[in-house]
Amino acid sequence: MRVKPPVPTTSIFSKLDGVVAWPCSIEEGRPDGESINLRGGSHIGMFSSPNALYLIAERLAQPENDWKPFEPRGVQRLLYGTNDHLPAPKKVRAGRGWPFDALRSARPGAQA
């Protein structure tokens, strides 16, 4: 669809799909859209997955004018990724750690 429907939308995708490229399923640019990675799901298995069915039922049970994004709690965080589509934060290269940092700063004129 080129035009998003005028209602809150949830995209359920799996990075293990194997049929559909998961980046095509990402909801972007709308405050009432969300993308949820069904971790461990496959393209064929998603329609009968208890985890997918729970997620669909949970999303449809929301009050009509009180949409809120899905927030996995507890063990659900292992099953559903709500930020898996976002780029990973860049790693900051740290010093070599103690005792090397202590030795570096102990040298005259050295910068820590």
PDB file of N, CA and C in Angstrom:
ATOM      1  N   MET A   1       0.841  -1.177   0.000  1.00  0.00           N
ATOM      2  CA  MET A   1       0.000   0.000   0.000  1.00  0.00           C
ATOM      3  C   MET A   1       0.888   1.241   0.000  1.00  0.00           C
ATOM      4  N   ARG A   2       0.596   2.145  -0.858  1.00  0.00           N
ATOM      5  CA  ARG A   2       1.368   3.389  -0.897  1.00  0.00           C
ATOM      6  C   ARG A   2       0.839   4.421   0.090  1.00  0.00           C
ATOM      7  N   VAL A   3      -0.443   4.343   0.407  1.00  0.00           N
ATOM      8  CA  VAL A   3      -1.048   5.273   1.350  1.00  0.00           C
ATOM      9  C   VAL A   3      -1.458   4.490   2.593  1.00  0.00           C
ATOM     10  N   LYS A   4      -0.996   4.951   3.728  1.00  0.00           N
ATOM     11  CA  LYS A   4      -1.328   4.274   4.979  1.00  0.00           C
ATOM     12  C   LYS A   4      -2.784   4.542   5.342  1.00  0.00           C
ATOM     13  N   PRO A   5      -3.456   3.565   5.929  1.00  0.00           N
ATOM     14  CA  PRO A   5      -4.840   3.794   6.348  1.00  0.00           C
ATOM     15  C   PRO A   5      -4.891   4.847   7.456  1.00  0.00           C
ATOM     16  N   PRO A   6      -5.998   5.557   7.588  1.00  0.00           N
ATOM     17  CA  PRO A   6      -6.107   6.636   8.575  1.00  0.00           C
ATOM     18  C   PRO A   6      -6.424   6.126   9.983  1.00  0.00           C
ATOM     19  N   VAL A   7      -5.905   4.974  10.329  1.00  0.00           N
ATOM     20  CA  VAL A   7      -6.111   4.385  11.652  1.00  0.00           C
ATOM     21  C   VAL A   7      -4.753   3.901  12.160  1.00  0.00           C
ATOM     22  N   PRO A   8      -4.634   3.679  13.465  1.00  0.00           N
ATOM     23  CA  PRO A   8      -3.375   3.132  13.973  1.00  0.00           C
ATOM     24  C   PRO A   8      -3.066   1.789  13.316  1.00  0.00           C
ATOM     25  N   THR A   9      -1.804   1.575  12.992  1.00  0.00           N
ATOM     26  CA  THR A   9      -1.408   0.338  12.325  1.00  0.00           C
ATOM     27  C   THR A   9      -0.244  -0.310  13.049  1.00  0.00           C
ATOM     28  N   THR A  10      -0.251  -1.628  13.031  1.00  0.00           N
ATOM     29  CA  THR A  10       0.824  -2.434  13.607  1.00  0.00           C
ATOM     30  C   THR A  10       1.331  -3.369  12.534  1.00  0.00           C
ATOM     31  N   SER A  11       2.625  -3.329  12.306  1.00  0.00           N
ATOM     32  CA  SER A  11       3.258  -4.252  11.375  1.00  0.00           C
ATOM     33  C   SER A  11       3.968  -5.318  12.195  1.00  0.00           C
ATOM     34  N   ILE A  12       3.606  -6.566  11.970  1.00  0.00           N
ATOM     35  CA  ILE A  12       4.267  -7.684  12.634  1.00  0.00           C
ATOM     36  C   ILE A  12       5.167  -8.335  11.591  1.00  0.00           C
ATOM     37  N   PHE A  13       6.451  -8.396  11.887  1.00  0.00           N
ATOM     38  CA  PHE A  13       7.406  -8.957  10.939  1.00  0.00           C
ATOM     39  C   PHE A  13       8.351  -9.903  11.651  1.00  0.00           C
ATOM     40  N   SER A  14       9.105 -10.646  10.878  1.00  0.00           N
ATOM     41  CA  SER A  14      10.139 -11.521  11.430  1.00  0.00           C
ATOM     42  C   SER A  14      11.396 -11.361  10.595  1.00  0.00           C
ATOM     43  N   LYS A  15      12.498 -11.189  11.263  1.00  0.00           N
ATOM     44  CA  LYS A  15      13.773 -11.096  10.551  1.00  0.00           C
ATOM     45  C   LYS A  15      14.176 -12.456   9.984  1.00  0.00           C
ATOM     46  N   LEU A  16      13.488 -13.512  10.401  1.00  0.00           N
ATOM     47  CA  LEU A  16      13.759 -14.861   9.906  1.00  0.00           C
ATOM     48  C   LEU A  16      12.744 -15.274   8.847  1.00  0.00           C
ATOM     49  N   ASP A  17      11.977 -14.342   8.326  1.00  0.00           N
ATOM     50  CA  ASP A  17      10.882 -14.635   7.405  1.00  0.00           C
ATOM     51  C   ASP A  17      11.328 -15.515   6.244  1.00  0.00           C
ATOM     52  N   GLY A  18      12.332 -15.101   5.497  1.00  0.00           N
ATOM     53  CA  GLY A  18      12.821 -15.892   4.378  1.00  0.00           C
ATOM     54  C   GLY A  18      12.047 -15.696   3.085  1.00  0.00           C
ATOM     55  N   VAL A  19      10.886 -15.040   3.126  1.00  0.00           N
ATOM     56  CA  VAL A  19      10.093 -14.805   1.921  1.00  0.00           C
ATOM     57  C   VAL A  19       9.976 -13.301   1.672  1.00  0.00           C
ATOM     58  N   VAL A  20       9.559 -12.558   2.689  1.00  0.00           N
ATOM     59  CA  VAL A  20       9.389 -11.113   2.573  1.00  0.00           C
ATOM     60  C   VAL A  20      10.564 -10.432   3.269  1.00  0.00           C
ATOM     61  N   ALA A  21      11.174  -9.468   2.610  1.00  0.00           N
ATOM     62  CA  ALA A  21      12.260  -8.711   3.235  1.00  0.00           C
ATOM     63  C   ALA A  21      11.688  -7.879   4.373  1.00  0.00           C
ATOM     64  N   TRP A  22      12.135  -8.136   5.590  1.00  0.00           N
ATOM     65  CA  TRP A  22      11.546  -7.482   6.761  1.00  0.00           C
ATOM     66  C   TRP A  22      11.611  -5.958   6.710  1.00  0.00           C
ATOM     67  N   PRO A  23      12.640  -5.312   6.102  1.00  0.00           N
ATOM     68  CA  PRO A  23      12.622  -3.841   6.066  1.00  0.00           C
ATOM     69  C   PRO A  23      11.405  -3.276   5.326  1.00  0.00           C
ATOM     70  N   CYS A  24      10.774  -4.070   4.459  1.00  0.00           N
ATOM     71  CA  CYS A  24       9.572  -3.609   3.747  1.00  0.00           C
ATOM     72  C   CYS A  24       8.365  -3.505   4.676  1.00  0.00           C
ATOM     73  N   SER A  25       8.468  -4.063   5.871  1.00  0.00           N
ATOM     74  CA  SER A  25       7.337  -4.099   6.787  1.00  0.00           C
ATOM     75  C   SER A  25       7.405  -3.041   7.880  1.00  0.00           C
ATOM     76  N   ILE A  26       8.356  -2.139   7.795  1.00  0.00           N
ATOM     77  CA  ILE A  26       8.557  -1.175   8.868  1.00  0.00           C
ATOM     78  C   ILE A  26       7.605   0.013   8.711  1.00  0.00           C
ATOM     79  N   GLU A  27       6.920   0.332   9.808  1.00  0.00           N
ATOM     80  CA  GLU A  27       6.033   1.491   9.875  1.00  0.00           C
ATOM     81  C   GLU A  27       6.887   2.702  10.250  1.00  0.00           C
ATOM     82  N   GLU A  28       6.937   3.692   9.384  1.00  0.00           N
ATOM     83  CA  GLU A  28       7.724   4.884   9.676  1.00  0.00           C
ATOM     84  C   GLU A  28       6.914   6.132   9.390  1.00  0.00           C
ATOM     85  N   GLY A  29       7.260   7.193  10.093  1.00  0.00           N
ATOM     86  CA  GLY A  29       6.696   8.491   9.787  1.00  0.00           C
ATOM     87  C   GLY A  29       5.324   8.783  10.351  1.00  0.00           C
ATOM     88  N   ARG A  30       4.819   7.927  11.238  1.00  0.00           N
ATOM     89  CA  ARG A  30       3.510   8.182  11.834  1.00  0.00           C
ATOM     90  C   ARG A  30       3.569   7.876  13.323  1.00  0.00           C
ATOM     91  N   PRO A  31       2.992   8.743  14.136  1.00  0.00           N
ATOM     92  CA  PRO A  31       2.995   8.473  15.580  1.00  0.00           C
ATOM     93  C   PRO A  31       2.059   7.322  15.960  1.00  0.00           C
ATOM     94  N   ASP A  32       1.131   6.967  15.075  1.00  0.00           N
ATOM     95  CA  ASP A  32       0.191   5.887  15.390  1.00  0.00           C
ATOM     96  C   ASP A  32       0.495   4.626  14.572  1.00  0.00           C
ATOM     97  N   GLY A  33       1.767   4.409  14.315  1.00  0.00           N
ATOM     98  CA  GLY A  33       2.194   3.197  13.628  1.00  0.00           C
ATOM     99  C   GLY A  33       3.330   2.556  14.398  1.00  0.00           C
ATOM    100  N   GLU A  34       3.398   1.239  14.355  1.00  0.00           N
ATOM    101  CA  GLU A  34       4.459   0.542  15.072  1.00  0.00           C
ATOM    102  C   GLU A  34       4.881  -0.697  14.308  1.00  0.00           C
ATOM    103  N   SER A  35       6.103  -1.119  14.551  1.00  0.00           N
ATOM    104  CA  SER A  35       6.660  -2.321  13.938  1.00  0.00           C
ATOM    105  C   SER A  35       7.135  -3.238  15.059  1.00  0.00           C
ATOM    106  N   ILE A  36       6.689  -4.482  15.023  1.00  0.00           N
ATOM    107  CA  ILE A  36       7.038  -5.433  16.077  1.00  0.00           C
ATOM    108  C   ILE A  36       7.642  -6.674  15.440  1.00  0.00           C
ATOM    109  N   ASN A  37       8.852  -6.998  15.864  1.00  0.00           N
ATOM    110  CA  ASN A  37       9.533  -8.194  15.384  1.00  0.00           C
ATOM    111  C   ASN A  37       9.047  -9.392  16.189  1.00  0.00           C
ATOM    112  N   LEU A  38       8.439 -10.337  15.505  1.00  0.00           N
ATOM    113  CA  LEU A  38       8.034 -11.590  16.143  1.00  0.00           C
ATOM    114  C   LEU A  38       9.267 -12.485  16.093  1.00  0.00           C
ATOM    115  N   ARG A  39      10.036 -12.452  17.147  1.00  0.00           N
ATOM    116  CA  ARG A  39      11.317 -13.150  17.171  1.00  0.00           C
ATOM    117  C   ARG A  39      11.113 -14.657  17.037  1.00  0.00           C
ATOM    118  N   GLY A  40      11.855 -15.241  16.121  1.00  0.00           N
ATOM    119  CA  GLY A  40      11.782 -16.681  15.912  1.00  0.00           C
ATOM    120  C   GLY A  40      10.679 -17.107  14.972  1.00  0.00           C
ATOM    121  N   GLY A  41       9.934 -16.165  14.433  1.00  0.00           N
ATOM    122  CA  GLY A  41       8.834 -16.510  13.540  1.00  0.00           C
ATOM    123  C   GLY A  41       9.314 -16.751  12.121  1.00  0.00           C
ATOM    124  N   SER A  42       8.590 -17.565  11.392  1.00  0.00           N
ATOM    125  CA  SER A  42       8.879 -17.791   9.973  1.00  0.00           C
ATOM    126  C   SER A  42       7.678 -17.315   9.170  1.00  0.00           C
ATOM    127  N   HIS A  43       7.837 -17.201   7.867  1.00  0.00           N
ATOM    128  CA  HIS A  43       6.758 -16.709   7.012  1.00  0.00           C
ATOM    129  C   HIS A  43       5.522 -17.615   7.106  1.00  0.00           C
ATOM    130  N   ILE A  44       5.712 -18.891   6.959  1.00  0.00           N
ATOM    131  CA  ILE A  44       4.594 -19.837   6.985  1.00  0.00           C
ATOM    132  C   ILE A  44       4.075 -20.050   8.410  1.00  0.00           C
ATOM    133  N   GLY A  45       4.976 -20.084   9.383  1.00  0.00           N
ATOM    134  CA  GLY A  45       4.582 -20.372  10.758  1.00  0.00           C
ATOM    135  C   GLY A  45       3.919 -19.223  11.490  1.00  0.00           C
ATOM    136  N   MET A  46       4.027 -18.018  10.938  1.00  0.00           N
ATOM    137  CA  MET A  46       3.502 -16.866  11.651  1.00  0.00           C
ATOM    138  C   MET A  46       1.977 -16.905  11.825  1.00  0.00           C
ATOM    139  N   PHE A  47       1.253 -17.421  10.845  1.00  0.00           N
ATOM    140  CA  PHE A  47      -0.214 -17.407  10.939  1.00  0.00           C
ATOM    141  C   PHE A  47      -0.743 -18.343  12.020  1.00  0.00           C
ATOM    142  N   SER A  48       0.038 -19.332  12.435  1.00  0.00           N
ATOM    143  CA  SER A  48      -0.436 -20.248  13.473  1.00  0.00           C
ATOM    144  C   SER A  48       0.362 -20.139  14.765  1.00  0.00           C
ATOM    145  N   SER A  49       1.254 -19.183  14.845  1.00  0.00           N
ATOM    146  CA  SER A  49       2.070 -19.005  16.036  1.00  0.00           C
ATOM    147  C   SER A  49       1.232 -18.453  17.183  1.00  0.00           C
ATOM    148  N   PRO A  50       1.243 -19.101  18.350  1.00  0.00           N
ATOM    149  CA  PRO A  50       0.521 -18.550  19.504  1.00  0.00           C
ATOM    150  C   PRO A  50       1.001 -17.141  19.857  1.00  0.00           C
ATOM    151  N   ASN A  51       2.298 -16.879  19.651  1.00  0.00           N
ATOM    152  CA  ASN A  51       2.822 -15.548  19.960  1.00  0.00           C
ATOM    153  C   ASN A  51       2.253 -14.499  19.008  1.00  0.00           C
ATOM    154  N   ALA A  52       2.108 -14.839  17.746  1.00  0.00           N
ATOM    155  CA  ALA A  52       1.521 -13.913  16.772  1.00  0.00           C
ATOM    156  C   ALA A  52       0.038 -13.715  17.069  1.00  0.00           C
ATOM    157  N   LEU A  53      -0.661 -14.791  17.361  1.00  0.00           N
ATOM    158  CA  LEU A  53      -2.100 -14.690  17.645  1.00  0.00           C
ATOM    159  C   LEU A  53      -2.356 -13.857  18.901  1.00  0.00           C
ATOM    160  N   TYR A  54      -1.514 -14.029  19.919  1.00  0.00           N
ATOM    161  CA  TYR A  54      -1.650 -13.209  21.128  1.00  0.00           C
ATOM    162  C   TYR A  54      -1.459 -11.733  20.789  1.00  0.00           C
ATOM    163  N   LEU A  55      -0.426 -11.439  20.007  1.00  0.00           N
ATOM    164  CA  LEU A  55      -0.125 -10.059  19.654  1.00  0.00           C
ATOM    165  C   LEU A  55      -1.272  -9.417  18.868  1.00  0.00           C
ATOM    166  N   ILE A  56      -1.827 -10.145  17.931  1.00  0.00           N
ATOM    167  CA  ILE A  56      -2.957  -9.635  17.152  1.00  0.00           C
ATOM    168  C   ILE A  56      -4.159  -9.373  18.055  1.00  0.00           C
ATOM    169  N   ALA A  57      -4.470 -10.315  18.938  1.00  0.00           N
ATOM    170  CA  ALA A  57      -5.604 -10.147  19.851  1.00  0.00           C
ATOM    171  C   ALA A  57      -5.371  -8.966  20.792  1.00  0.00           C
ATOM    172  N   GLU A  58      -4.161  -8.809  21.277  1.00  0.00           N
ATOM    173  CA  GLU A  58      -3.839  -7.716  22.195  1.00  0.00           C
ATOM    174  C   GLU A  58      -3.996  -6.365  21.492  1.00  0.00           C
ATOM    175  N   ARG A  59      -3.557  -6.278  20.254  1.00  0.00           N
ATOM    176  CA  ARG A  59      -3.662  -5.027  19.494  1.00  0.00           C
ATOM    177  C   ARG A  59      -5.116  -4.707  19.183  1.00  0.00           C
ATOM    178  N   LEU A  60      -5.924  -5.702  18.817  1.00  0.00           N
ATOM    179  CA  LEU A  60      -7.328  -5.473  18.479  1.00  0.00           C
ATOM    180  C   LEU A  60      -8.196  -5.179  19.703  1.00  0.00           C
ATOM    181  N   ALA A  61      -7.746  -5.542  20.890  1.00  0.00           N
ATOM    182  CA  ALA A  61      -8.528  -5.341  22.110  1.00  0.00           C
ATOM    183  C   ALA A  61      -8.430  -3.916  22.648  1.00  0.00           C
ATOM    184  N   GLN A  62      -7.627  -3.084  22.034  1.00  0.00           N
ATOM    185  CA  GLN A  62      -7.487  -1.708  22.524  1.00  0.00           C
ATOM    186  C   GLN A  62      -8.763  -0.916  22.260  1.00  0.00           C
ATOM    187  N   PRO A  63      -9.069   0.022  23.161  1.00  0.00           N
ATOM    188  CA  PRO A  63     -10.232   0.888  22.917  1.00  0.00           C
ATOM    189  C   PRO A  63     -10.036   1.692  21.629  1.00  0.00           C
ATOM    190  N   GLU A  64     -11.109   1.961  20.947  1.00  0.00           N
ATOM    191  CA  GLU A  64     -11.050   2.581  19.623  1.00  0.00           C
ATOM    192  C   GLU A  64     -10.282   3.903  19.589  1.00  0.00           C
ATOM    193  N   ASN A  65     -10.492   4.771  20.537  1.00  0.00           N
ATOM    194  CA  ASN A  65      -9.839   6.082  20.511  1.00  0.00           C
ATOM    195  C   ASN A  65      -8.742   6.219  21.564  1.00  0.00           C
ATOM    196  N   ASP A  66      -8.176   5.115  21.986  1.00  0.00           N
ATOM    197  CA  ASP A  66      -7.126   5.160  23.016  1.00  0.00           C
ATOM    198  C   ASP A  66      -5.973   4.246  22.625  1.00  0.00           C
ATOM    199  N   TRP A  67      -5.478   4.394  21.399  1.00  0.00           N
ATOM    200  CA  TRP A  67      -4.391   3.551  20.904  1.00  0.00           C
ATOM    201  C   TRP A  67      -3.105   3.872  21.630  1.00  0.00           C
ATOM    202  N   LYS A  68      -2.394   2.832  22.032  1.00  0.00           N
ATOM    203  CA  LYS A  68      -1.070   2.963  22.646  1.00  0.00           C
ATOM    204  C   LYS A  68      -0.159   1.929  22.004  1.00  0.00           C
ATOM    205  N   PRO A  69       1.104   2.276  21.806  1.00  0.00           N
ATOM    206  CA  PRO A  69       2.025   1.292  21.230  1.00  0.00           C
ATOM    207  C   PRO A  69       2.219   0.110  22.171  1.00  0.00           C
ATOM    208  N   PHE A  70       2.546  -1.023  21.579  1.00  0.00           N
ATOM    209  CA  PHE A  70       2.774  -2.249  22.340  1.00  0.00           C
ATOM    210  C   PHE A  70       4.047  -2.118  23.154  1.00  0.00           C
ATOM    211  N   GLU A  71       3.980  -2.473  24.416  1.00  0.00           N
ATOM    212  CA  GLU A  71       5.141  -2.463  25.297  1.00  0.00           C
ATOM    213  C   GLU A  71       5.279  -3.841  25.918  1.00  0.00           C
ATOM    214  N   PRO A  72       6.203  -4.662  25.390  1.00  0.00           N
ATOM    215  CA  PRO A  72       6.381  -5.989  25.979  1.00  0.00           C
ATOM    216  C   PRO A  72       6.911  -5.886  27.401  1.00  0.00           C
ATOM    217  N   ARG A  73       6.410  -6.742  28.251  1.00  0.00           N
ATOM    218  CA  ARG A  73       6.819  -6.750  29.663  1.00  0.00           C
ATOM    219  C   ARG A  73       7.309  -8.144  30.026  1.00  0.00           C
ATOM    220  N   GLY A  74       8.256  -8.192  30.935  1.00  0.00           N
ATOM    221  CA  GLY A  74       8.765  -9.463  31.434  1.00  0.00           C
ATOM    222  C   GLY A  74       9.286 -10.355  30.324  1.00  0.00           C
ATOM    223  N   VAL A  75       8.822 -11.593  30.310  1.00  0.00           N
ATOM    224  CA  VAL A  75       9.285 -12.578  29.328  1.00  0.00           C
ATOM    225  C   VAL A  75       8.878 -12.200  27.902  1.00  0.00           C
ATOM    226  N   GLN A  76       7.877 -11.347  27.750  1.00  0.00           N
ATOM    227  CA  GLN A  76       7.471 -10.902  26.414  1.00  0.00           C
ATOM    228  C   GLN A  76       8.615 -10.210  25.676  1.00  0.00           C
ATOM    229  N   ARG A  77       9.540  -9.606  26.424  1.00  0.00           N
ATOM    230  CA  ARG A  77      10.674  -8.925  25.781  1.00  0.00           C
ATOM    231  C   ARG A  77      11.570  -9.900  25.034  1.00  0.00           C
ATOM    232  N   LEU A  78      11.487 -11.183  25.368  1.00  0.00           N
ATOM    233  CA  LEU A  78      12.239 -12.202  24.636  1.00  0.00           C
ATOM    234  C   LEU A  78      11.540 -12.584  23.337  1.00  0.00           C
ATOM    235  N   LEU A  79      10.223 -12.430  23.301  1.00  0.00           N
ATOM    236  CA  LEU A  79       9.425 -12.868  22.163  1.00  0.00           C
ATOM    237  C   LEU A  79       9.155 -11.775  21.139  1.00  0.00           C
ATOM    238  N   TYR A  80       9.043 -10.531  21.605  1.00  0.00           N
ATOM    239  CA  TYR A  80       8.648  -9.421  20.737  1.00  0.00           C
ATOM    240  C   TYR A  80       9.680  -8.300  20.815  1.00  0.00           C
ATOM    241  N   GLY A  81      10.174  -7.882  19.672  1.00  0.00           N
ATOM    242  CA  GLY A  81      11.123  -6.777  19.626  1.00  0.00           C
ATOM    243  C   GLY A  81      10.479  -5.540  19.049  1.00  0.00           C
ATOM    244  N   THR A  82      10.324  -4.503  19.864  1.00  0.00           N
ATOM    245  CA  THR A  82       9.690  -3.278  19.376  1.00  0.00           C
ATOM    246  C   THR A  82      10.706  -2.284  18.819  1.00  0.00           C
ATOM    247  N   ASN A  83      11.985  -2.518  19.054  1.00  0.00           N
ATOM    248  CA  ASN A  83      13.022  -1.626  18.532  1.00  0.00           C
ATOM    249  C   ASN A  83      14.033  -2.367  17.671  1.00  0.00           C
ATOM    250  N   ASP A  84      13.723  -3.585  17.277  1.00  0.00           N
ATOM    251  CA  ASP A  84      14.673  -4.399  16.508  1.00  0.00           C
ATOM    252  C   ASP A  84      14.947  -3.839  15.117  1.00  0.00           C
ATOM    253  N   HIS A  85      14.086  -2.996  14.616  1.00  0.00           N
ATOM    254  CA  HIS A  85      14.259  -2.431  13.278  1.00  0.00           C
ATOM    255  C   HIS A  85      15.120  -1.171  13.292  1.00  0.00           C
ATOM    256  N   LEU A  86      15.394  -0.634  14.477  1.00  0.00           N
ATOM    257  CA  LEU A  86      16.196   0.585  14.580  1.00  0.00           C
ATOM    258  C   LEU A  86      17.678   0.247  14.476  1.00  0.00           C
ATOM    259  N   PRO A  87      18.493   1.165  13.948  1.00  0.00           N
ATOM    260  CA  PRO A  87      19.928   0.892  13.872  1.00  0.00           C
ATOM    261  C   PRO A  87      20.521   0.742  15.265  1.00  0.00           C
ATOM    262  N   ALA A  88      21.478  -0.156  15.378  1.00  0.00           N
ATOM    263  CA  ALA A  88      22.150  -0.370  16.662  1.00  0.00           C
ATOM    264  C   ALA A  88      22.981   0.863  16.996  1.00  0.00           C
ATOM    265  N   PRO A  89      23.068   1.210  18.283  1.00  0.00           N
ATOM    266  CA  PRO A  89      23.892   2.360  18.647  1.00  0.00           C
ATOM    267  C   PRO A  89      25.360   2.082  18.323  1.00  0.00           C
ATOM    268  N   LYS A  90      26.064   3.130  17.930  1.00  0.00           N
ATOM    269  CA  LYS A  90      27.477   2.971  17.602  1.00  0.00           C
ATOM    270  C   LYS A  90      28.263   2.714  18.875  1.00  0.00           C
ATOM    271  N   LYS A  91      29.176   1.775  18.779  1.00  0.00           N
ATOM    272  CA  LYS A  91      30.003   1.443  19.926  1.00  0.00           C
ATOM    273  C   LYS A  91      31.125   2.468  20.050  1.00  0.00           C
ATOM    274  N   VAL A  92      31.345   2.910  21.266  1.00  0.00           N
ATOM    275  CA  VAL A  92      32.431   3.840  21.533  1.00  0.00           C
ATOM    276  C   VAL A  92      33.651   3.018  21.889  1.00  0.00           C
ATOM    277  N   ARG A  93      34.709   3.276  21.186  1.00  0.00           N
ATOM    278  CA  ARG A  93      35.928   2.519  21.458  1.00  0.00           C
ATOM    279  C   ARG A  93      36.533   3.035  22.744  1.00  0.00           C
ATOM    280  N   ALA A  94      36.579   2.180  23.700  1.00  0.00           N
ATOM    281  CA  ALA A  94      37.117   2.545  25.009  1.00  0.00           C
ATOM    282  C   ALA A  94      38.617   2.269  25.032  1.00  0.00           C
ATOM    283  N   GLY A  95      39.246   2.772  26.077  1.00  0.00           N
ATOM    284  CA  GLY A  95      40.663   2.472  26.287  1.00  0.00           C
ATOM    285  C   GLY A  95      40.838   0.987  26.540  1.00  0.00           C
ATOM    286  N   ARG A  96      42.050   0.575  26.684  1.00  0.00           N
ATOM    287  CA  ARG A  96      42.312  -0.842  26.871  1.00  0.00           C
ATOM    288  C   ARG A  96      41.940  -1.311  28.264  1.00  0.00           C
ATOM    289  N   GLY A  97      41.601  -0.380  29.121  1.00  0.00           N
ATOM    290  CA  GLY A  97      41.178  -0.763  30.466  1.00  0.00           C
ATOM    291  C   GLY A  97      42.336  -0.824  31.447  1.00  0.00           C
ATOM    292  N   TRP A  98      42.002  -0.980  32.662  1.00  0.00           N
ATOM    293  CA  TRP A  98      43.009  -1.059  33.719  1.00  0.00           C
ATOM    294  C   TRP A  98      43.833  -2.311  33.504  1.00  0.00           C
ATOM    295  N   PRO A  99      45.103  -2.352  33.650  1.00  0.00           N
ATOM    296  CA  PRO A  99      45.978  -1.309  34.191  1.00  0.00           C
ATOM    297  C   PRO A  99      46.543  -0.395  33.115  1.00  0.00           C
ATOM    298  N   PHE A 100      46.188  -0.629  31.843  1.00  0.00           N
ATOM    299  CA  PHE A 100      46.799   0.139  30.755  1.00  0.00           C
ATOM    300  C   PHE A 100      46.458   1.623  30.829  1.00  0.00           C
ATOM    301  N   ASP A 101      45.176   1.968  31.144  1.00  0.00           N
ATOM    302  CA  ASP A 101      44.806   3.374  31.250  1.00  0.00           C
ATOM    303  C   ASP A 101      45.574   4.057  32.369  1.00  0.00           C
ATOM    304  N   ALA A 102      45.760   3.361  33.474  1.00  0.00           N
ATOM    305  CA  ALA A 102      46.511   3.932  34.592  1.00  0.00           C
ATOM    306  C   ALA A 102      47.960   4.173  34.194  1.00  0.00           C
ATOM    307  N   LEU A 103      48.557   3.266  33.438  1.00  0.00           N
ATOM    308  CA  LEU A 103      49.938   3.431  32.986  1.00  0.00           C
ATOM    309  C   LEU A 103      50.047   4.600  32.012  1.00  0.00           C
ATOM    310  N   ARG A 104      49.063   4.740  31.111  1.00  0.00           N
ATOM    311  CA  ARG A 104      49.088   5.816  30.121  1.00  0.00           C
ATOM    312  C   ARG A 104      49.030   7.176  30.808  1.00  0.00           C
ATOM    313  N   SER A 105      48.156   7.319  31.812  1.00  0.00           N
ATOM    314  CA  SER A 105      48.015   8.596  32.481  1.00  0.00           C
ATOM    315  C   SER A 105      49.183   8.876  33.427  1.00  0.00           C
ATOM    316  N   ALA A 106      49.952   7.869  33.781  1.00  0.00           N
ATOM    317  CA  ALA A 106      51.088   8.055  34.685  1.00  0.00           C
ATOM    318  C   ALA A 106      52.313   8.582  33.951  1.00  0.00           C
ATOM    319  N   ARG A 107      52.353   8.449  32.619  1.00  0.00           N
ATOM    320  CA  ARG A 107      53.494   8.934  31.850  1.00  0.00           C
ATOM    321  C   ARG A 107      53.469  10.461  31.780  1.00  0.00           C
ATOM    322  N   PRO A 108      54.610  11.100  31.900  1.00  0.00           N
ATOM    323  CA  PRO A 108      54.641  12.566  31.802  1.00  0.00           C
ATOM    324  C   PRO A 108      54.144  13.018  30.419  1.00  0.00           C
ATOM    325  N   GLY A 109      53.274  14.000  30.397  1.00  0.00           N
ATOM    326  CA  GLY A 109      52.747  14.547  29.152  1.00  0.00           C
ATOM    327  C   GLY A 109      51.695  13.693  28.493  1.00  0.00           C
ATOM    328  N   ALA A 110      51.299  12.600  29.116  1.00  0.00           N
ATOM    329  CA  ALA A 110      50.288  11.696  28.522  1.00  0.00           C
ATOM    330  C   ALA A 110      48.895  12.250  28.804  1.00  0.00           C
ATOM    331  N   GLN A 111      47.996  11.993  27.887  1.00  0.00           N
ATOM    332  CA  GLN A 111      46.602  12.389  28.057  1.00  0.00           C
ATOM    333  C   GLN A 111      45.776  11.145  28.361  1.00  0.00           C
ATOM    334  N   ALA A 112      44.899  11.248  29.344  1.00  0.00           N
ATOM    335  CA  ALA A 112      44.071  10.106  29.725  1.00  0.00           C
ATOM    336  C   ALA A 112      42.943   9.918  28.759  1.00  0.00           C
TER     337      ALA A 112
END
